[in-house]
């Protein structure tokens, strides 16, 4: 058994390039695990720079100097940030406050509807089951209230952190864009000269992850806008708030769509009750998600990632459990990175084995 394990180690890990690749991956994982909360502004800046670098490259393709392209794209980024802070965030905050004010009345109406179910359907549900459901809901609401209170108590610290991010992140985004080649060359100086395997993984993962992040950003923006227009058209309450979270839900494939169905349906139910308006809201949400899954996402993300749905859901569960919100956002890019590592590793091993097989033949011919 031990000899079998040694043979497996020698076969897969005897190549120095493989050792270097594994070392870099483990180092990156350890740094994120230990310093992830400290490096949050850096990670956010890298993600934003990834999003903006595509625009910079396209401007360079039409013979615009990189520094000019970076300045133009950065000004657009700052303008969008100011629009978000001055217009969208206040509107979303106002709707959150409105939802919290109406929440007690919605809860009371929900309890009234639940307590009337045993009389309507005595063969399907009992008063004891309703009591258990109401007790569960009450406990969850109490827990949510405690979490919200602790969040409010920490709001000063959170506000200071947001101010720091608003100052640091734009500066780092600018320098990541401006000095992209210098930063990449600086990292390359720490790698050994024989680094073909590492570069193969980097090129493949960089292309796919960059395209995925940019495509996903456009998908969020389009679904957010389409949902907002649709909800305004059907006159649904909390339009901007619901549309915002519907847009963000596309970050988590399959799961996000399902989770956001319930808030949309619940808000529509408490606004209109059972009737055609509720059906219109559910149908409108379903149409948006069907168009996203069958038209928009394949169009924006075609040839970027080719992962099985089981792999995607597993990656979401694993990385979401490790890193929370950031893990949900990076689940598919990280799964793509792992796929690129295994693909390059397997290709490199086959090339090495083929080279080893041809050497004795060349010696015999000589």
Protein backbone atom coordinates (compact mmCIF):
# COMPACT_ATOMS: atom_id res chain seq x y z
CA UNK A 1 0.00 0.00 0.00
CA UNK A 2 2.81 2.39 0.94
CA UNK A 3 4.70 1.54 -2.24
CA UNK A 4 1.56 2.16 -4.28
CA UNK A 5 1.16 5.56 -2.65
CA UNK A 6 4.83 6.38 -3.33
CA UNK A 7 4.47 5.43 -6.96
CA UNK A 8 1.43 7.72 -7.23
CA UNK A 9 3.36 10.60 -5.60
CA UNK A 10 6.36 10.06 -7.89
CA UNK A 11 4.14 9.92 -10.95
CA UNK A 12 2.16 13.09 -10.25
CA UNK A 13 4.44 15.29 -8.09
CA UNK A 14 7.97 14.56 -9.26
CA UNK A 15 7.88 17.40 -11.82
CA UNK A 16 9.20 20.69 -10.31
CA UNK A 17 6.65 22.70 -12.31
CA UNK A 18 3.81 20.79 -10.64
CA UNK A 19 5.35 21.47 -7.22
CA UNK A 20 5.60 25.20 -8.01
CA UNK A 21 1.97 25.31 -9.17
CA UNK A 22 0.70 23.52 -6.05
CA UNK A 23 2.80 25.80 -3.82
CA UNK A 24 1.34 28.93 -5.42
CA UNK A 25 -2.22 27.64 -5.12
CA UNK A 26 -1.77 26.71 -1.46
CA UNK A 27 -0.09 30.04 -0.71
CA UNK A 28 -2.97 31.95 -2.29
CA UNK A 29 -5.56 29.89 -0.42
CA UNK A 30 -3.79 30.38 2.93
CA UNK A 31 -3.42 34.13 2.40
CA UNK A 32 -7.11 34.52 1.59
CA UNK A 33 -8.14 32.36 4.56
CA UNK A 34 -5.92 34.20 7.05
CA UNK A 35 -6.00 37.75 5.65
CA UNK A 36 -9.21 37.78 3.60
CA UNK A 37 -11.05 40.18 5.91
CA UNK A 38 -8.08 42.57 5.88
CA UNK A 39 -7.58 42.33 2.12
CA UNK A 40 -11.25 42.95 1.27
CA UNK A 41 -10.54 46.39 -0.32
CA UNK A 42 -7.74 44.84 -2.38
CA UNK A 43 -9.96 41.97 -3.55
CA UNK A 44 -12.77 44.38 -4.39
CA UNK A 45 -10.34 46.59 -6.33
CA UNK A 46 -9.02 43.62 -8.31
CA UNK A 47 -12.57 42.58 -9.22
CA UNK A 48 -13.49 46.12 -10.35
CA UNK A 49 -10.22 46.42 -12.30
CA UNK A 50 -11.07 43.12 -14.01
CA UNK A 51 -14.41 44.58 -15.02
CA UNK A 52 -12.91 47.79 -16.37
CA UNK A 53 -9.85 46.30 -18.06
CA UNK A 54 -11.99 44.94 -20.89
CA UNK A 55 -13.05 48.50 -21.79
CA UNK A 56 -9.43 49.65 -21.61
CA UNK A 57 -8.31 46.86 -23.95
CA UNK A 58 -11.05 47.67 -26.45
CA UNK A 59 -10.00 51.33 -26.49
CA UNK A 60 -6.40 50.24 -27.03
CA UNK A 61 -7.52 48.18 -30.01
CA UNK A 62 -8.60 51.38 -31.75
CA UNK A 63 -5.12 52.89 -31.22
CA UNK A 64 -5.88 54.94 -28.08
CA UNK A 65 -2.87 55.01 -25.70
CA UNK A 66 -3.34 52.93 -22.55
CA UNK A 67 -2.93 55.83 -20.12
CA UNK A 68 -5.63 57.80 -21.96
CA UNK A 69 -7.88 54.71 -22.03
CA UNK A 70 -7.35 54.19 -18.31
CA UNK A 71 -8.21 57.82 -17.52
CA UNK A 72 -11.40 57.75 -19.61
CA UNK A 73 -12.57 54.43 -18.14
CA UNK A 74 -11.70 55.56 -14.60
CA UNK A 75 -13.71 58.78 -15.01
CA UNK A 76 -16.69 56.73 -16.21
CA UNK A 77 -16.26 54.45 -13.18
CA UNK A 78 -16.21 57.41 -10.77
CA UNK A 79 -19.29 58.92 -12.43
CA UNK A 80 -21.19 55.63 -12.10
CA UNK A 81 -20.11 55.39 -8.46
CA UNK A 82 -21.39 58.90 -7.71
CA UNK A 83 -24.69 58.08 -9.45
CA UNK A 84 -24.98 54.95 -7.31
CA UNK A 85 -24.28 56.81 -4.07
CA UNK A 86 -26.41 59.88 -4.71
CA UNK A 87 -29.42 58.31 -6.42
CA UNK A 88 -29.74 54.54 -6.15
CA UNK A 89 -28.57 53.90 -2.58
CA UNK A 90 -30.88 56.53 -1.01
CA UNK A 91 -33.82 55.09 -2.93
CA UNK A 92 -33.02 51.54 -1.86
CA UNK A 93 -32.51 52.67 1.77
CA UNK A 94 -35.87 54.46 1.73
CA UNK A 95 -37.64 51.34 0.47
CA UNK A 96 -35.91 49.19 3.12
CA UNK A 97 -37.18 51.56 5.82
CA UNK A 98 -40.67 51.45 4.28
CA UNK A 99 -40.59 47.64 4.23
CA UNK A 100 -39.58 47.53 7.90
CA UNK A 101 -42.47 49.82 8.77
CA UNK A 102 -44.99 47.64 6.95
CA UNK A 103 -43.51 44.37 8.17
CA UNK A 104 -45.57 44.12 11.42
CA UNK A 105 -48.84 44.52 9.49
CA UNK A 106 -47.69 41.93 6.95
CA UNK A 107 -46.78 39.51 9.74
CA UNK A 108 -50.17 40.03 11.44
CA UNK A 109 -51.99 39.39 8.17
CA UNK A 110 -49.90 36.30 7.57
CA UNK A 111 -50.72 34.94 11.04
CA UNK A 112 -54.39 35.60 10.43
CA UNK A 113 -54.25 33.68 7.15
CA UNK A 114 -52.40 30.76 8.76
CA UNK A 115 -54.76 30.45 11.74
CA UNK A 116 -57.69 30.19 9.34
CA UNK A 117 -56.24 27.24 7.44
CA UNK A 118 -57.35 24.43 9.86
CA UNK A 119 -60.99 25.54 9.52
CA UNK A 120 -60.75 25.62 5.73
CA UNK A 121 -58.73 22.42 5.27
CA UNK A 122 -59.27 20.29 8.40
CA UNK A 123 -58.10 17.12 6.68
CA UNK A 124 -54.75 18.52 5.62
CA UNK A 125 -53.50 20.70 8.47
CA UNK A 126 -54.19 20.91 12.20
CA UNK A 127 -54.07 23.71 14.76
CA UNK A 128 -51.00 22.10 16.36
CA UNK A 129 -49.09 22.25 13.10
CA UNK A 130 -50.08 25.90 12.66
CA UNK A 131 -48.86 26.62 16.20
CA UNK A 132 -45.50 25.00 15.39
CA UNK A 133 -45.19 27.06 12.20
CA UNK A 134 -46.03 30.30 14.02
CA UNK A 135 -43.57 29.45 16.80
CA UNK A 136 -40.84 28.80 14.24
CA UNK A 137 -41.59 32.09 12.45
CA UNK A 138 -41.58 33.96 15.76
CA UNK A 139 -38.20 32.53 16.74
CA UNK A 140 -36.72 33.42 13.36
CA UNK A 141 -38.08 36.97 13.54
CA UNK A 142 -36.65 37.36 17.05
CA UNK A 143 -33.28 36.18 15.83
CA UNK A 144 -33.47 38.54 12.86
CA UNK A 145 -34.36 41.43 15.18
CA UNK A 146 -31.37 40.69 17.41
CA UNK A 147 -29.08 40.54 14.37
CA UNK A 148 -30.49 43.81 13.07
CA UNK A 149 -29.99 45.44 16.48
CA UNK A 150 -26.37 44.30 16.66
CA UNK A 151 -25.91 45.58 13.11
CA UNK A 152 -27.32 48.95 14.14
CA UNK A 153 -24.99 49.12 17.15
CA UNK A 154 -22.05 48.44 14.84
CA UNK A 155 -23.25 50.96 12.26
CA UNK A 156 -20.66 53.58 13.27
CA UNK A 157 -17.80 51.17 12.68
CA UNK A 158 -19.41 50.03 9.44
CA UNK A 159 -19.83 53.62 8.29
CA UNK A 160 -16.14 54.30 8.91
CA UNK A 161 -15.20 51.16 6.98
CA UNK A 162 -17.38 52.24 4.06
CA UNK A 163 -15.67 55.66 4.04
CA UNK A 164 -12.26 53.98 3.99
CA UNK A 165 -13.35 51.75 1.11
CA UNK A 166 -14.73 54.72 -0.82
CA UNK A 167 -11.29 56.34 -0.61
CA UNK A 168 -8.99 53.32 -0.97
CA UNK A 169 -10.81 51.28 -3.62
CA UNK A 170 -10.88 53.95 -6.39
CA UNK A 171 -7.17 54.66 -5.88
CA UNK A 172 -6.26 50.98 -6.05
CA UNK A 173 -8.50 50.43 -9.08
CA UNK A 174 -6.71 53.25 -10.91
CA UNK A 175 -3.26 51.88 -10.16
CA UNK A 176 -4.26 48.29 -10.95
CA UNK A 177 -5.38 49.52 -14.38
CA UNK A 178 -2.48 51.90 -14.97
CA UNK A 179 0.31 49.58 -13.77
CA UNK A 180 -1.19 46.24 -14.79
CA UNK A 181 1.87 45.09 -16.76
CA UNK A 182 4.30 46.26 -14.05
CA UNK A 183 2.39 44.37 -11.34
CA UNK A 184 2.24 41.17 -13.42
CA UNK A 185 5.97 41.43 -14.26
CA UNK A 186 6.74 41.96 -10.56
CA UNK A 187 4.90 38.75 -9.66
CA UNK A 188 6.59 36.91 -12.53
CA UNK A 189 10.05 37.78 -11.10
CA UNK A 190 9.32 35.56 -8.09
CA UNK A 191 8.57 32.53 -10.27
CA UNK A 192 11.22 30.11 -11.54
CA UNK A 193 12.38 30.46 -15.13
CA UNK A 194 10.82 27.14 -16.12
CA UNK A 195 7.20 28.05 -15.47
CA UNK A 196 5.36 26.91 -18.58
CA UNK A 197 2.76 24.98 -16.55
CA UNK A 198 2.03 27.96 -14.29
CA UNK A 199 1.72 30.28 -17.28
CA UNK A 200 -0.57 27.82 -19.07
CA UNK A 201 -2.90 27.75 -16.06
CA UNK A 202 -2.67 31.54 -15.68
CA UNK A 203 -3.49 32.28 -19.30
CA UNK A 204 -6.44 29.88 -19.40
CA UNK A 205 -7.86 30.91 -16.01
CA UNK A 206 -7.23 34.62 -16.60
CA UNK A 207 -9.09 34.55 -19.92
CA UNK A 208 -12.07 32.61 -18.59
CA UNK A 209 -12.37 34.32 -15.21
CA UNK A 210 -11.97 37.82 -16.68
CA UNK A 211 -14.61 37.17 -19.32
CA UNK A 212 -16.88 35.55 -16.74
CA UNK A 213 -16.71 38.48 -14.31
CA UNK A 214 -17.32 41.03 -17.06
CA UNK A 215 -20.15 38.96 -18.55
CA UNK A 216 -21.73 38.46 -15.12
CA UNK A 217 -21.55 42.21 -14.40
CA UNK A 218 -23.44 42.94 -17.63
CA UNK A 219 -25.95 40.21 -16.77
CA UNK A 220 -26.59 41.76 -13.34
CA UNK A 221 -27.07 45.21 -14.85
CA UNK A 222 -29.43 43.99 -17.58
CA UNK A 223 -31.56 41.83 -15.24
CA UNK A 224 -31.68 44.65 -12.67
CA UNK A 225 -32.88 47.13 -15.31
CA UNK A 226 -35.37 44.69 -16.88
CA UNK A 227 -36.80 43.77 -13.46
CA UNK A 228 -37.14 47.42 -12.46
CA UNK A 229 -39.01 48.32 -15.67
CA UNK A 230 -41.25 45.26 -15.32
CA UNK A 231 -42.08 45.89 -11.66
CA UNK A 232 -42.82 49.56 -12.37
CA UNK A 233 -45.12 48.52 -15.22
CA UNK A 234 -47.14 46.14 -13.00
CA UNK A 235 -46.99 48.68 -10.10
CA UNK A 236 -45.37 46.32 -7.60
CA UNK A 237 -44.32 47.78 -4.24
CA UNK A 238 -40.63 48.13 -3.30
CA UNK A 239 -39.71 48.20 -6.99
CA UNK A 240 -36.09 49.30 -6.77
CA UNK A 241 -35.32 47.08 -3.77
CA UNK A 242 -36.75 43.92 -5.35
CA UNK A 243 -35.18 44.67 -8.75
CA UNK A 244 -31.79 45.23 -7.10
CA UNK A 245 -31.82 41.85 -5.37
CA UNK A 246 -33.23 40.09 -8.44
CA UNK A 247 -30.24 41.46 -10.35
CA UNK A 248 -27.81 40.28 -7.69
CA UNK A 249 -29.46 36.85 -7.57
CA UNK A 250 -27.88 35.88 -10.91
CA UNK A 251 -24.52 35.74 -9.10
CA UNK A 252 -25.59 32.39 -7.62
CA UNK A 253 -26.83 30.22 -10.51
CA UNK A 254 -30.00 28.16 -9.95
CA UNK A 255 -30.14 28.91 -6.21
CA UNK A 256 -30.46 32.71 -6.48
CA UNK A 257 -33.38 32.50 -8.90
CA UNK A 258 -35.28 30.15 -6.59
CA UNK A 259 -34.59 32.16 -3.44
CA UNK A 260 -35.70 35.48 -4.95
CA UNK A 261 -38.98 33.98 -6.18
CA UNK A 262 -40.35 33.96 -2.62
CA UNK A 263 -39.82 37.68 -1.75
CA UNK A 264 -41.37 38.73 -5.07
CA UNK A 265 -44.35 36.41 -4.60
CA UNK A 266 -44.82 37.37 -0.92
CA UNK A 267 -44.69 41.12 -1.58
CA UNK A 268 -47.15 40.70 -4.46
CA UNK A 269 -49.47 38.60 -2.28
CA UNK A 270 -49.57 41.12 0.58
CA UNK A 271 -50.12 43.93 -1.91
CA UNK A 272 -52.91 42.35 -3.99
CA UNK A 273 -53.90 39.06 -2.34
CA UNK A 274 -54.97 36.06 -4.40
CA UNK A 275 -55.91 37.20 -7.88
CA UNK A 276 -54.73 38.03 -11.39
CA UNK A 277 -52.28 40.73 -10.24
CA UNK A 278 -50.36 38.17 -8.17
CA UNK A 279 -50.32 35.82 -11.15
CA UNK A 280 -49.01 38.60 -13.41
CA UNK A 281 -46.16 39.35 -10.99
CA UNK A 282 -45.15 35.68 -10.74
CA UNK A 283 -45.39 35.21 -14.51
CA UNK A 284 -43.37 38.39 -15.17
CA UNK A 285 -40.61 37.24 -12.78
CA UNK A 286 -40.60 33.76 -14.35
CA UNK A 287 -40.35 35.21 -17.89
CA UNK A 288 -37.36 37.38 -16.87
CA UNK A 289 -35.56 34.37 -15.40
CA UNK A 290 -36.37 32.16 -18.39
CA UNK A 291 -35.00 34.78 -20.79
CA UNK A 292 -31.93 35.16 -18.60
CA UNK A 293 -31.22 31.43 -18.36
CA UNK A 294 -31.96 30.55 -21.98
CA UNK A 295 -30.90 33.68 -23.88
CA UNK A 296 -28.96 36.30 -21.92
CA UNK A 297 -26.57 34.11 -19.89
CA UNK A 298 -25.60 31.85 -22.86
CA UNK A 299 -25.06 34.97 -24.99
CA UNK A 300 -22.87 36.77 -22.44
CA UNK A 301 -21.08 33.74 -20.99
CA UNK A 302 -20.78 31.46 -24.01
CA UNK A 303 -17.38 29.75 -24.29
CA UNK A 304 -16.39 31.20 -20.91
CA UNK A 305 -17.21 28.35 -18.58
CA UNK A 306 -18.39 24.87 -19.42
CA UNK A 307 -19.18 23.42 -16.02
CA UNK A 308 -21.85 20.86 -15.21
CA UNK A 309 -24.74 22.20 -13.05
CA UNK A 310 -23.80 19.74 -10.28
CA UNK A 311 -20.26 21.16 -10.24
CA UNK A 312 -21.62 24.73 -10.12
CA UNK A 313 -23.99 24.02 -7.21
CA UNK A 314 -21.26 22.13 -5.33
CA UNK A 315 -18.83 25.03 -5.83
CA UNK A 316 -21.45 27.51 -4.60
CA UNK A 317 -22.08 25.45 -1.46
CA UNK A 318 -18.39 24.90 -0.67
CA UNK A 319 -16.99 28.36 -1.34
CA UNK A 320 -20.10 30.10 -0.02
CA UNK A 321 -19.71 28.16 3.22
CA UNK A 322 -16.01 29.14 3.45
CA UNK A 323 -16.10 32.82 2.42
CA UNK A 324 -19.76 33.86 2.61
CA UNK A 325 -20.88 36.48 0.08
CA UNK A 326 -17.45 36.66 -1.55
CA UNK A 327 -17.44 32.87 -1.85
CA UNK A 328 -20.81 32.95 -3.63
CA UNK A 329 -19.52 35.53 -6.10
CA UNK A 330 -16.23 33.71 -6.77
CA UNK A 331 -17.61 30.16 -6.68
CA UNK A 332 -17.70 29.72 -10.46
CA UNK A 333 -14.37 31.55 -11.13
CA UNK A 334 -12.68 29.35 -8.51
CA UNK A 335 -14.26 26.23 -9.98
CA UNK A 336 -13.00 27.39 -13.37
CA UNK A 337 -9.52 27.87 -11.91
CA UNK A 338 -9.57 24.33 -10.50
CA UNK A 339 -10.71 22.99 -13.87
CA UNK A 340 -7.90 24.89 -15.62
CA UNK A 341 -5.36 23.48 -13.14
CA UNK A 342 -6.44 19.88 -13.70
CA UNK A 343 -6.64 20.33 -17.47
CA UNK A 344 -3.16 21.87 -17.70
CA UNK A 345 -1.75 19.35 -15.22
CA UNK A 346 -3.13 16.41 -17.21
CA UNK A 347 -1.90 17.87 -20.52
CA UNK A 348 1.55 18.52 -19.06
CA UNK A 349 1.79 14.98 -17.67
CA UNK A 350 0.80 13.44 -21.01
CA UNK A 351 3.43 15.52 -22.81
CA UNK A 352 6.05 14.42 -20.29
CA UNK A 353 5.07 10.77 -20.66
CA UNK A 354 5.14 11.00 -24.47
CA UNK A 355 8.55 12.66 -24.33
CA UNK A 356 9.78 9.88 -22.05
CA UNK A 357 8.48 7.23 -24.44
CA UNK A 358 10.19 8.74 -27.47
CA UNK A 359 13.63 9.14 -25.89
CA UNK A 360 14.50 5.39 -25.78
CA UNK A 361 13.36 5.05 -29.41
CA UNK A 362 15.58 7.97 -30.44
CA UNK A 363 18.55 6.40 -28.63
CA UNK A 364 17.97 3.05 -30.33
CA UNK A 365 17.77 4.73 -33.75
CA UNK A 366 21.05 6.55 -33.06
